[in-house]
């Protein structure tokens, strides 16, 4: 099989070059990189405020793999009485943390047999709307699928899975992308487009959770792209790095769903990946040693914390991948 991480960059570049809906403004990138802090070492910090921590490596990785499997839902509206808030990452991370602090772990066999009611209780998913019922079933399926994956491929050991993810990444990814919730590969113009957002993020999160120095996995981290989702695209749009066609702009601004796998959605994610790579390369020209994981961390955090970005609607897509 082709080098999967290399395929992400190459396939996204092919799409971006022929894109009808999204254009990358290279001049805006040169202007924007001056806003980014010179040092981004915080990108490797494990935030214990919202994440579970355990001295047991196996329990900690148990949490990380489950969180990685259910790290989606931005296109679903279900978290507040008026349904105005998305079901976001910090929400699911904190709720899973709360469960682990009270129960310590969820072994692979328990994940396989976890019923829908229990899954909904863990993540406190409201069941009084269609979106709530839909995401509840998707979460339960993703959890069971991850349990089966760990049981079948690693004899129930999350530690073994993590070791392979870091030391034999290609082999790990070849297995992981067979899962419905990690098979983040689209078709555009008759060609496969690789994103692997959750798979790449899982690798980065393993490094963070185990408190590894980024230098110890420098080569692996350098192969990862930014993790393309709606929040990163929104920041890049507001900074004029991504320029939308009038048709795409109308859909995003009016909160019209972009269906997963449509040319608009695929081109938008591909452009996000390519813009991230361009930011990394241009920062290096200015003498700042960096990688896409650090840029992703910075973009995602400003997307969530600055009114400059939160004031504008992100694109909405119901998907298993973000």
C-alpha atoms as a PDB file:
ATOM      1  CA  UNK A   1       0.000   0.000   0.000  1.00  0.00           C
ATOM      2  CA  UNK A   2       1.116   3.575  -0.688  1.00  0.00           C
ATOM      3  CA  UNK A   3       2.674   5.685   2.071  1.00  0.00           C
ATOM      4  CA  UNK A   4      -0.540   6.907   3.697  1.00  0.00           C
ATOM      5  CA  UNK A   5       0.826  10.037   5.362  1.00  0.00           C
ATOM      6  CA  UNK A   6       2.558  11.078   2.152  1.00  0.00           C
ATOM      7  CA  UNK A   7      -0.676  10.411   0.275  1.00  0.00           C
ATOM      8  CA  UNK A   8      -2.520  12.947   2.437  1.00  0.00           C
ATOM      9  CA  UNK A   9      -0.318  15.796   1.251  1.00  0.00           C
ATOM     10  CA  UNK A  10      -0.041  14.655  -2.361  1.00  0.00           C
ATOM     11  CA  UNK A  11      -3.750  13.954  -2.886  1.00  0.00           C
ATOM     12  CA  UNK A  12      -4.805  17.222  -1.231  1.00  0.00           C
ATOM     13  CA  UNK A  13      -2.381  19.178  -3.408  1.00  0.00           C
ATOM     14  CA  UNK A  14      -3.873  17.636  -6.550  1.00  0.00           C
ATOM     15  CA  UNK A  15      -7.381  18.629  -5.478  1.00  0.00           C
ATOM     16  CA  UNK A  16      -6.366  22.119  -4.405  1.00  0.00           C
ATOM     17  CA  UNK A  17      -4.654  22.894  -7.717  1.00  0.00           C
ATOM     18  CA  UNK A  18      -7.897  22.230  -9.618  1.00  0.00           C
ATOM     19  CA  UNK A  19     -10.296  23.554  -6.972  1.00  0.00           C
ATOM     20  CA  UNK A  20     -13.451  25.330  -8.163  1.00  0.00           C
ATOM     21  CA  UNK A  21     -14.706  26.439  -4.770  1.00  0.00           C
ATOM     22  CA  UNK A  22     -11.648  27.363  -2.676  1.00  0.00           C
ATOM     23  CA  UNK A  23      -8.528  29.348  -3.563  1.00  0.00           C
ATOM     24  CA  UNK A  24      -5.410  29.684  -1.389  1.00  0.00           C
ATOM     25  CA  UNK A  25      -4.094  33.244  -1.084  1.00  0.00           C
ATOM     26  CA  UNK A  26      -0.320  32.877  -0.754  1.00  0.00           C
ATOM     27  CA  UNK A  27       0.195  36.576   0.030  1.00  0.00           C
ATOM     28  CA  UNK A  28      -2.195  36.302   2.971  1.00  0.00           C
ATOM     29  CA  UNK A  29      -0.126  33.401   4.327  1.00  0.00           C
ATOM     30  CA  UNK A  30       3.019  35.556   4.350  1.00  0.00           C
ATOM     31  CA  UNK A  31       1.126  38.211   6.287  1.00  0.00           C
ATOM     32  CA  UNK A  32      -0.493  35.764   8.719  1.00  0.00           C
ATOM     33  CA  UNK A  33       2.655  33.936   9.796  1.00  0.00           C
ATOM     34  CA  UNK A  34       3.819  37.128  11.501  1.00  0.00           C
ATOM     35  CA  UNK A  35       0.880  36.757  13.912  1.00  0.00           C
ATOM     36  CA  UNK A  36       1.865  33.265  15.002  1.00  0.00           C
ATOM     37  CA  UNK A  37       4.109  33.026  18.099  1.00  0.00           C
ATOM     38  CA  UNK A  38       7.700  32.053  17.388  1.00  0.00           C
ATOM     39  CA  UNK A  39       7.582  29.156  19.848  1.00  0.00           C
ATOM     40  CA  UNK A  40       4.676  26.687  19.897  1.00  0.00           C
ATOM     41  CA  UNK A  41       5.919  24.084  22.364  1.00  0.00           C
ATOM     42  CA  UNK A  42       2.573  24.235  24.202  1.00  0.00           C
ATOM     43  CA  UNK A  43       1.229  22.170  21.324  1.00  0.00           C
ATOM     44  CA  UNK A  44       2.568  19.099  23.129  1.00  0.00           C
ATOM     45  CA  UNK A  45       1.035  19.836  26.523  1.00  0.00           C
ATOM     46  CA  UNK A  46      -1.576  17.398  27.783  1.00  0.00           C
ATOM     47  CA  UNK A  47      -4.411  19.483  29.212  1.00  0.00           C
ATOM     48  CA  UNK A  48      -5.464  17.665  32.381  1.00  0.00           C
ATOM     49  CA  UNK A  49      -8.309  20.139  32.925  1.00  0.00           C
ATOM     50  CA  UNK A  50     -10.388  18.459  30.264  1.00  0.00           C
ATOM     51  CA  UNK A  51      -8.520  15.167  29.767  1.00  0.00           C
ATOM     52  CA  UNK A  52      -8.236  12.130  31.993  1.00  0.00           C
ATOM     53  CA  UNK A  53      -4.837  11.289  33.440  1.00  0.00           C
ATOM     54  CA  UNK A  54      -3.797   8.017  35.039  1.00  0.00           C
ATOM     55  CA  UNK A  55      -0.410   6.722  36.174  1.00  0.00           C
ATOM     56  CA  UNK A  56      -1.437   3.464  34.558  1.00  0.00           C
ATOM     57  CA  UNK A  57      -0.243   3.674  30.956  1.00  0.00           C
ATOM     58  CA  UNK A  58      -2.884   1.174  29.841  1.00  0.00           C
ATOM     59  CA  UNK A  59      -5.765   3.088  31.446  1.00  0.00           C
ATOM     60  CA  UNK A  60      -4.532   6.393  30.034  1.00  0.00           C
ATOM     61  CA  UNK A  61      -4.266   4.982  26.522  1.00  0.00           C
ATOM     62  CA  UNK A  62      -7.655   3.323  26.961  1.00  0.00           C
ATOM     63  CA  UNK A  63      -9.067   6.840  27.401  1.00  0.00           C
ATOM     64  CA  UNK A  64      -7.089   8.276  24.467  1.00  0.00           C
ATOM     65  CA  UNK A  65      -8.216   5.619  22.004  1.00  0.00           C
ATOM     66  CA  UNK A  66     -11.885   5.942  22.978  1.00  0.00           C
ATOM     67  CA  UNK A  67     -11.698   9.732  22.762  1.00  0.00           C
ATOM     68  CA  UNK A  68     -10.069   9.428  19.357  1.00  0.00           C
ATOM     69  CA  UNK A  69     -12.859   7.218  18.083  1.00  0.00           C
ATOM     70  CA  UNK A  70     -15.669   9.602  19.122  1.00  0.00           C
ATOM     71  CA  UNK A  71     -13.917  12.849  18.230  1.00  0.00           C
ATOM     72  CA  UNK A  72     -16.617  14.024  15.848  1.00  0.00           C
ATOM     73  CA  UNK A  73     -19.991  15.713  15.956  1.00  0.00           C
ATOM     74  CA  UNK A  74     -19.352  19.338  14.993  1.00  0.00           C
ATOM     75  CA  UNK A  75     -22.135  19.212  12.425  1.00  0.00           C
ATOM     76  CA  UNK A  76     -24.746  18.128  14.975  1.00  0.00           C
ATOM     77  CA  UNK A  77     -26.691  20.620  17.107  1.00  0.00           C
ATOM     78  CA  UNK A  78     -27.751  19.091  20.395  1.00  0.00           C
ATOM     79  CA  UNK A  79     -25.874  20.379  23.415  1.00  0.00           C
ATOM     80  CA  UNK A  80     -28.074  23.193  24.737  1.00  0.00           C
ATOM     81  CA  UNK A  81     -31.826  23.619  25.247  1.00  0.00           C
ATOM     82  CA  UNK A  82     -32.020  25.876  22.184  1.00  0.00           C
ATOM     83  CA  UNK A  83     -29.720  23.540  20.194  1.00  0.00           C
ATOM     84  CA  UNK A  84     -27.443  26.467  19.385  1.00  0.00           C
ATOM     85  CA  UNK A  85     -24.202  24.884  20.549  1.00  0.00           C
ATOM     86  CA  UNK A  86     -22.261  22.214  18.732  1.00  0.00           C
ATOM     87  CA  UNK A  87     -21.300  18.988  20.442  1.00  0.00           C
ATOM     88  CA  UNK A  88     -17.622  19.863  20.645  1.00  0.00           C
ATOM     89  CA  UNK A  89     -14.336  18.231  21.537  1.00  0.00           C
ATOM     90  CA  UNK A  90     -13.971  19.761  24.995  1.00  0.00           C
ATOM     91  CA  UNK A  91     -17.444  18.517  25.873  1.00  0.00           C
ATOM     92  CA  UNK A  92     -16.807  14.897  24.961  1.00  0.00           C
ATOM     93  CA  UNK A  93     -13.273  14.903  26.426  1.00  0.00           C
ATOM     94  CA  UNK A  94     -14.544  16.210  29.771  1.00  0.00           C
ATOM     95  CA  UNK A  95     -17.492  13.831  29.961  1.00  0.00           C
ATOM     96  CA  UNK A  96     -15.341  10.825  29.143  1.00  0.00           C
ATOM     97  CA  UNK A  97     -12.824  12.032  31.743  1.00  0.00           C
ATOM     98  CA  UNK A  98     -15.587  12.170  34.359  1.00  0.00           C
ATOM     99  CA  UNK A  99     -16.582   8.602  33.569  1.00  0.00           C
ATOM    100  CA  UNK A 100     -13.004   7.337  33.794  1.00  0.00           C
ATOM    101  CA  UNK A 101     -12.395   9.123  37.089  1.00  0.00           C
ATOM    102  CA  UNK A 102     -15.357   7.254  38.551  1.00  0.00           C
ATOM    103  CA  UNK A 103     -14.828   3.926  36.788  1.00  0.00           C
ATOM    104  CA  UNK A 104     -11.121   3.898  35.796  1.00  0.00           C
ATOM    105  CA  UNK A 105     -11.292   2.101  32.463  1.00  0.00           C
ATOM    106  CA  UNK A 106     -13.323   0.486  29.702  1.00  0.00           C
ATOM    107  CA  UNK A 107     -11.588  -2.661  28.484  1.00  0.00           C
ATOM    108  CA  UNK A 108     -11.852  -3.675  24.842  1.00  0.00           C
ATOM    109  CA  UNK A 109     -14.400  -6.397  25.588  1.00  0.00           C
ATOM    110  CA  UNK A 110     -16.530  -3.919  27.537  1.00  0.00           C
ATOM    111  CA  UNK A 111     -16.388  -1.487  24.628  1.00  0.00           C
ATOM    112  CA  UNK A 112     -17.636  -4.186  22.284  1.00  0.00           C
ATOM    113  CA  UNK A 113     -20.637  -4.947  24.493  1.00  0.00           C
ATOM    114  CA  UNK A 114     -21.379  -1.362  25.612  1.00  0.00           C
ATOM    115  CA  UNK A 115     -25.057  -0.685  25.006  1.00  0.00           C
ATOM    116  CA  UNK A 116     -26.581   2.497  23.627  1.00  0.00           C
ATOM    117  CA  UNK A 117     -28.021   3.680  26.952  1.00  0.00           C
ATOM    118  CA  UNK A 118     -24.648   3.409  28.678  1.00  0.00           C
ATOM    119  CA  UNK A 119     -22.879   5.231  25.859  1.00  0.00           C
ATOM    120  CA  UNK A 120     -25.444   8.032  25.992  1.00  0.00           C
ATOM    121  CA  UNK A 121     -25.006   8.336  29.766  1.00  0.00           C
ATOM    122  CA  UNK A 122     -21.221   8.578  29.494  1.00  0.00           C
ATOM    123  CA  UNK A 123     -21.403  11.481  27.047  1.00  0.00           C
ATOM    124  CA  UNK A 124     -24.724  12.872  28.327  1.00  0.00           C
ATOM    125  CA  UNK A 125     -26.200  12.900  24.850  1.00  0.00           C
ATOM    126  CA  UNK A 126     -29.778  14.237  24.812  1.00  0.00           C
ATOM    127  CA  UNK A 127     -32.194  11.891  23.094  1.00  0.00           C
ATOM    128  CA  UNK A 128     -35.076  14.287  22.493  1.00  0.00           C
ATOM    129  CA  UNK A 129     -33.933  15.364  19.009  1.00  0.00           C
ATOM    130  CA  UNK A 130     -33.126  13.525  15.803  1.00  0.00           C
ATOM    131  CA  UNK A 131     -29.529  14.815  15.930  1.00  0.00           C
ATOM    132  CA  UNK A 132     -29.165  13.519  19.476  1.00  0.00           C
ATOM    133  CA  UNK A 133     -30.488  10.079  18.628  1.00  0.00           C
ATOM    134  CA  UNK A 134     -28.340   9.935  15.504  1.00  0.00           C
ATOM    135  CA  UNK A 135     -25.068  10.906  17.152  1.00  0.00           C
ATOM    136  CA  UNK A 136     -25.829   8.616  20.090  1.00  0.00           C
ATOM    137  CA  UNK A 137     -25.965   5.623  17.759  1.00  0.00           C
ATOM    138  CA  UNK A 138     -22.863   6.771  15.880  1.00  0.00           C
ATOM    139  CA  UNK A 139     -20.879   7.121  19.105  1.00  0.00           C
ATOM    140  CA  UNK A 140     -21.953   3.711  20.307  1.00  0.00           C
ATOM    141  CA  UNK A 141     -20.943   2.145  16.973  1.00  0.00           C
ATOM    142  CA  UNK A 142     -17.568   3.919  16.950  1.00  0.00           C
ATOM    143  CA  UNK A 143     -16.827   2.758  20.502  1.00  0.00           C
ATOM    144  CA  UNK A 144     -17.736  -0.863  19.761  1.00  0.00           C
ATOM    145  CA  UNK A 145     -15.694  -0.750  16.570  1.00  0.00           C
ATOM    146  CA  UNK A 146     -12.645   0.516  18.474  1.00  0.00           C
ATOM    147  CA  UNK A 147     -13.081  -2.206  21.082  1.00  0.00           C
ATOM    148  CA  UNK A 148     -13.179  -4.861  18.370  1.00  0.00           C
ATOM    149  CA  UNK A 149     -10.097  -3.333  16.721  1.00  0.00           C
ATOM    150  CA  UNK A 150      -8.044  -3.407  19.928  1.00  0.00           C
ATOM    151  CA  UNK A 151      -9.265  -6.894  20.807  1.00  0.00           C
ATOM    152  CA  UNK A 152      -8.583  -8.424  17.392  1.00  0.00           C
ATOM    153  CA  UNK A 153      -5.380  -6.631  16.429  1.00  0.00           C
ATOM    154  CA  UNK A 154      -3.646  -6.164  19.805  1.00  0.00           C
ATOM    155  CA  UNK A 155      -5.150  -8.838  22.051  1.00  0.00           C
ATOM    156  CA  UNK A 156      -6.989  -6.182  24.034  1.00  0.00           C
ATOM    157  CA  UNK A 157      -3.889  -4.077  24.788  1.00  0.00           C
ATOM    158  CA  UNK A 158      -4.128  -0.343  24.155  1.00  0.00           C
ATOM    159  CA  UNK A 159      -0.426  -0.055  24.998  1.00  0.00           C
ATOM    160  CA  UNK A 160       0.501  -2.410  22.162  1.00  0.00           C
ATOM    161  CA  UNK A 161      -1.642  -0.411  19.774  1.00  0.00           C
ATOM    162  CA  UNK A 162       0.050   2.824  20.846  1.00  0.00           C
ATOM    163  CA  UNK A 163       3.492   1.300  20.430  1.00  0.00           C
ATOM    164  CA  UNK A 164       2.697   0.262  16.870  1.00  0.00           C
ATOM    165  CA  UNK A 165       1.179   3.676  16.129  1.00  0.00           C
ATOM    166  CA  UNK A 166       4.479   5.366  16.981  1.00  0.00           C
ATOM    167  CA  UNK A 167       7.015   2.775  15.860  1.00  0.00           C
ATOM    168  CA  UNK A 168       5.308   1.168  12.830  1.00  0.00           C
ATOM    169  CA  UNK A 169       2.964   3.949  11.812  1.00  0.00           C
ATOM    170  CA  UNK A 170       2.228   2.771   8.271  1.00  0.00           C
ATOM    171  CA  UNK A 171       1.220  -0.695   9.485  1.00  0.00           C
ATOM    172  CA  UNK A 172      -0.952   0.820  12.206  1.00  0.00           C
ATOM    173  CA  UNK A 173      -2.684   3.163   9.764  1.00  0.00           C
ATOM    174  CA  UNK A 174      -3.312   0.398   7.239  1.00  0.00           C
ATOM    175  CA  UNK A 175      -5.283  -1.406   9.946  1.00  0.00           C
ATOM    176  CA  UNK A 176      -6.973   1.654  11.428  1.00  0.00           C
ATOM    177  CA  UNK A 177      -8.425   3.045   8.204  1.00  0.00           C
ATOM    178  CA  UNK A 178     -10.532  -0.103   7.833  1.00  0.00           C
ATOM    179  CA  UNK A 179     -12.676   1.199  10.691  1.00  0.00           C
ATOM    180  CA  UNK A 180     -15.702   3.193   9.555  1.00  0.00           C
ATOM    181  CA  UNK A 181     -14.895   6.002  11.970  1.00  0.00           C
ATOM    182  CA  UNK A 182     -11.289   6.332  10.752  1.00  0.00           C
ATOM    183  CA  UNK A 183     -11.602   5.649   7.015  1.00  0.00           C
ATOM    184  CA  UNK A 184     -11.323   9.348   6.208  1.00  0.00           C
ATOM    185  CA  UNK A 185     -10.766   8.987   2.469  1.00  0.00           C
ATOM    186  CA  UNK A 186     -12.895  10.832  -0.089  1.00  0.00           C
ATOM    187  CA  UNK A 187     -13.294  10.706  -3.859  1.00  0.00           C
ATOM    188  CA  UNK A 188     -12.965  13.890  -5.908  1.00  0.00           C
ATOM    189  CA  UNK A 189     -12.576  14.029  -9.663  1.00  0.00           C
ATOM    190  CA  UNK A 190     -12.391  10.257  -9.735  1.00  0.00           C
ATOM    191  CA  UNK A 191      -9.319  10.238  -7.477  1.00  0.00           C
ATOM    192  CA  UNK A 192      -8.883   9.204  -3.847  1.00  0.00           C
ATOM    193  CA  UNK A 193      -8.272  12.077  -1.447  1.00  0.00           C
ATOM    194  CA  UNK A 194      -6.714  11.136   1.874  1.00  0.00           C
ATOM    195  CA  UNK A 195      -7.363  13.214   4.991  1.00  0.00           C
ATOM    196  CA  UNK A 196      -7.020  10.734   7.886  1.00  0.00           C
ATOM    197  CA  UNK A 197      -7.785  13.546  10.306  1.00  0.00           C
ATOM    198  CA  UNK A 198      -8.694  11.438  13.334  1.00  0.00           C
ATOM    199  CA  UNK A 199      -5.968   8.876  12.687  1.00  0.00           C
ATOM    200  CA  UNK A 200      -3.274  11.549  12.550  1.00  0.00           C
ATOM    201  CA  UNK A 201      -4.679  13.311  15.601  1.00  0.00           C
ATOM    202  CA  UNK A 202      -4.714  10.034  17.532  1.00  0.00           C
ATOM    203  CA  UNK A 203      -0.981   9.644  16.889  1.00  0.00           C
ATOM    204  CA  UNK A 204      -0.311  13.190  18.106  1.00  0.00           C
ATOM    205  CA  UNK A 205      -2.506  12.638  21.169  1.00  0.00           C
ATOM    206  CA  UNK A 206      -0.615   9.472  22.116  1.00  0.00           C
ATOM    207  CA  UNK A 207       2.615  11.482  22.094  1.00  0.00           C
ATOM    208  CA  UNK A 208       0.998  14.218  24.209  1.00  0.00           C
ATOM    209  CA  UNK A 209      -0.627  11.872  26.711  1.00  0.00           C
ATOM    210  CA  UNK A 210       2.567   9.881  27.298  1.00  0.00           C
ATOM    211  CA  UNK A 211       4.483  13.142  27.748  1.00  0.00           C
ATOM    212  CA  UNK A 212       7.034  12.242  25.108  1.00  0.00           C
ATOM    213  CA  UNK A 213       9.416  14.947  23.967  1.00  0.00           C
ATOM    214  CA  UNK A 214       8.540  16.026  20.419  1.00  0.00           C
ATOM    215  CA  UNK A 215      12.225  15.566  19.606  1.00  0.00           C
ATOM    216  CA  UNK A 216      11.906  11.841  20.293  1.00  0.00           C
ATOM    217  CA  UNK A 217       9.350  11.569  17.483  1.00  0.00           C
ATOM    218  CA  UNK A 218      10.497  14.481  15.340  1.00  0.00           C
ATOM    219  CA  UNK A 219      10.476  12.540  12.058  1.00  0.00           C
ATOM    220  CA  UNK A 220       6.994  11.145  12.652  1.00  0.00           C
ATOM    221  CA  UNK A 221       5.559  14.517  13.682  1.00  0.00           C
ATOM    222  CA  UNK A 222       7.065  16.097  10.566  1.00  0.00           C
ATOM    223  CA  UNK A 223       5.033  13.693   8.410  1.00  0.00           C
ATOM    224  CA  UNK A 224       1.681  14.697   9.902  1.00  0.00           C
ATOM    225  CA  UNK A 225      -0.477  17.400   8.325  1.00  0.00           C
ATOM    226  CA  UNK A 226      -2.831  19.737  10.109  1.00  0.00           C
ATOM    227  CA  UNK A 227      -6.066  17.967  10.987  1.00  0.00           C
ATOM    228  CA  UNK A 228      -8.652  19.444   8.591  1.00  0.00           C
ATOM    229  CA  UNK A 229     -11.963  20.341  10.174  1.00  0.00           C
ATOM    230  CA  UNK A 230     -14.487  23.172  10.077  1.00  0.00           C
ATOM    231  CA  UNK A 231     -12.787  25.280  12.768  1.00  0.00           C
ATOM    232  CA  UNK A 232      -9.398  25.420  11.062  1.00  0.00           C
ATOM    233  CA  UNK A 233     -11.019  26.275   7.739  1.00  0.00           C
ATOM    234  CA  UNK A 234     -12.919  29.091   9.436  1.00  0.00           C
ATOM    235  CA  UNK A 235      -9.761  30.689  10.850  1.00  0.00           C
ATOM    236  CA  UNK A 236      -8.012  30.454   7.500  1.00  0.00           C
ATOM    237  CA  UNK A 237     -11.019  31.983   5.780  1.00  0.00           C
ATOM    238  CA  UNK A 238     -11.242  34.930   8.161  1.00  0.00           C
ATOM    239  CA  UNK A 239      -7.519  35.540   7.691  1.00  0.00           C
ATOM    240  CA  UNK A 240      -8.163  35.659   3.914  1.00  0.00           C
ATOM    241  CA  UNK A 241      -5.923  32.638   3.377  1.00  0.00           C
ATOM    242  CA  UNK A 242      -8.821  30.588   2.060  1.00  0.00           C
ATOM    243  CA  UNK A 243     -10.995  32.426  -0.445  1.00  0.00           C
ATOM    244  CA  UNK A 244     -14.410  30.848  -1.008  1.00  0.00           C
ATOM    245  CA  UNK A 245     -16.429  30.971  -4.205  1.00  0.00           C
ATOM    246  CA  UNK A 246     -19.667  32.967  -3.932  1.00  0.00           C
ATOM    247  CA  UNK A 247     -21.647  29.723  -3.974  1.00  0.00           C
ATOM    248  CA  UNK A 248     -19.647  28.175  -1.132  1.00  0.00           C
ATOM    249  CA  UNK A 249     -19.642  31.427   0.833  1.00  0.00           C
ATOM    250  CA  UNK A 250     -23.437  31.594   0.627  1.00  0.00           C
ATOM    251  CA  UNK A 251     -23.842  28.045   1.921  1.00  0.00           C
ATOM    252  CA  UNK A 252     -21.439  28.474   4.828  1.00  0.00           C
ATOM    253  CA  UNK A 253     -22.750  31.892   5.882  1.00  0.00           C
ATOM    254  CA  UNK A 254     -26.354  30.688   5.787  1.00  0.00           C
ATOM    255  CA  UNK A 255     -25.530  27.474   7.656  1.00  0.00           C
ATOM    256  CA  UNK A 256     -26.554  25.272   4.759  1.00  0.00           C
ATOM    257  CA  UNK A 257     -25.063  21.840   5.320  1.00  0.00           C
ATOM    258  CA  UNK A 258     -22.155  20.773   3.128  1.00  0.00           C
ATOM    259  CA  UNK A 259     -22.750  17.096   2.586  1.00  0.00           C
ATOM    260  CA  UNK A 260     -19.791  14.867   3.330  1.00  0.00           C
ATOM    261  CA  UNK A 261     -17.903  13.899   0.204  1.00  0.00           C
ATOM    262  CA  UNK A 262     -19.274  16.629  -2.058  1.00  0.00           C
ATOM    263  CA  UNK A 263     -16.729  18.533  -4.136  1.00  0.00           C
ATOM    264  CA  UNK A 264     -17.230  21.632  -1.974  1.00  0.00           C
ATOM    265  CA  UNK A 265     -16.545  19.824   1.280  1.00  0.00           C
ATOM    266  CA  UNK A 266     -13.584  17.863  -0.090  1.00  0.00           C
ATOM    267  CA  UNK A 267     -12.007  20.902  -1.744  1.00  0.00           C
ATOM    268  CA  UNK A 268     -12.411  22.905   1.459  1.00  0.00           C
ATOM    269  CA  UNK A 269     -10.645  20.289   3.557  1.00  0.00           C
ATOM    270  CA  UNK A 270      -7.933  19.764   0.934  1.00  0.00           C
ATOM    271  CA  UNK A 271      -7.256  23.495   0.805  1.00  0.00           C
ATOM    272  CA  UNK A 272      -7.037  23.541   4.605  1.00  0.00           C
ATOM    273  CA  UNK A 273      -4.353  20.848   4.533  1.00  0.00           C
ATOM    274  CA  UNK A 274      -2.405  22.627   1.796  1.00  0.00           C
ATOM    275  CA  UNK A 275      -2.618  26.003   3.518  1.00  0.00           C
ATOM    276  CA  UNK A 276      -1.301  24.377   6.688  1.00  0.00           C
ATOM    277  CA  UNK A 277       1.664  22.966   4.776  1.00  0.00           C
ATOM    278  CA  UNK A 278       2.316  26.371   3.217  1.00  0.00           C
ATOM    279  CA  UNK A 279       2.311  28.022   6.648  1.00  0.00           C
ATOM    280  CA  UNK A 280       4.829  25.475   7.927  1.00  0.00           C
ATOM    281  CA  UNK A 281       7.142  25.929   4.940  1.00  0.00           C
ATOM    282  CA  UNK A 282       7.012  29.721   5.065  1.00  0.00           C
ATOM    283  CA  UNK A 283       7.724  29.786   8.798  1.00  0.00           C
ATOM    284  CA  UNK A 284      10.798  27.662   8.162  1.00  0.00           C
ATOM    285  CA  UNK A 285      11.993  30.243   5.626  1.00  0.00           C
ATOM    286  CA  UNK A 286      11.876  32.791   8.444  1.00  0.00           C
ATOM    287  CA  UNK A 287      13.988  30.498  10.602  1.00  0.00           C
ATOM    288  CA  UNK A 288      11.224  29.072  12.820  1.00  0.00           C
ATOM    289  CA  UNK A 289      11.511  25.304  13.225  1.00  0.00           C
ATOM    290  CA  UNK A 290       7.936  24.049  13.253  1.00  0.00           C
ATOM    291  CA  UNK A 291       5.575  21.331  12.052  1.00  0.00           C
ATOM    292  CA  UNK A 292       1.923  21.022  11.115  1.00  0.00           C
ATOM    293  CA  UNK A 293       0.909  19.622  14.519  1.00  0.00           C
ATOM    294  CA  UNK A 294       2.037  22.863  16.156  1.00  0.00           C
ATOM    295  CA  UNK A 295       0.255  24.992  13.566  1.00  0.00           C
ATOM    296  CA  UNK A 296      -2.898  22.898  13.990  1.00  0.00           C
ATOM    297  CA  UNK A 297      -2.776  23.379  17.763  1.00  0.00           C
ATOM    298  CA  UNK A 298      -2.435  27.138  17.367  1.00  0.00           C
ATOM    299  CA  UNK A 299      -5.218  27.476  14.791  1.00  0.00           C
ATOM    300  CA  UNK A 300      -7.623  25.269  16.743  1.00  0.00           C
ATOM    301  CA  UNK A 301      -7.085  27.162  19.979  1.00  0.00           C
ATOM    302  CA  UNK A 302      -7.550  30.620  18.484  1.00  0.00           C
ATOM    303  CA  UNK A 303     -10.605  29.282  16.655  1.00  0.00           C
ATOM    304  CA  UNK A 304     -12.170  28.400  20.003  1.00  0.00           C
ATOM    305  CA  UNK A 305     -11.009  31.339  22.113  1.00  0.00           C
ATOM    306  CA  UNK A 306     -11.045  34.488  19.975  1.00  0.00           C
ATOM    307  CA  UNK A 307     -14.231  36.364  19.115  1.00  0.00           C
ATOM    308  CA  UNK A 308     -12.572  37.266  15.826  1.00  0.00           C
ATOM    309  CA  UNK A 309     -13.214  33.673  14.789  1.00  0.00           C
ATOM    310  CA  UNK A 310     -16.126  32.515  16.955  1.00  0.00           C
ATOM    311  CA  UNK A 311     -18.367  35.296  15.627  1.00  0.00           C
ATOM    312  CA  UNK A 312     -18.483  33.742  12.172  1.00  0.00           C
ATOM    313  CA  UNK A 313     -20.221  30.459  11.386  1.00  0.00           C
ATOM    314  CA  UNK A 314     -18.073  27.478  10.461  1.00  0.00           C
ATOM    315  CA  UNK A 315     -19.202  25.147   7.722  1.00  0.00           C
ATOM    316  CA  UNK A 316     -21.535  22.386   8.880  1.00  0.00           C
ATOM    317  CA  UNK A 317     -21.086  18.771   7.827  1.00  0.00           C
ATOM    318  CA  UNK A 318     -22.505  15.698   9.523  1.00  0.00           C
ATOM    319  CA  UNK A 319     -19.598  13.292   9.440  1.00  0.00           C
ATOM    320  CA  UNK A 320     -17.700  10.695  11.454  1.00  0.00           C
ATOM    321  CA  UNK A 321     -14.439  12.517  10.830  1.00  0.00           C
ATOM    322  CA  UNK A 322     -14.789  15.935  12.555  1.00  0.00           C
END
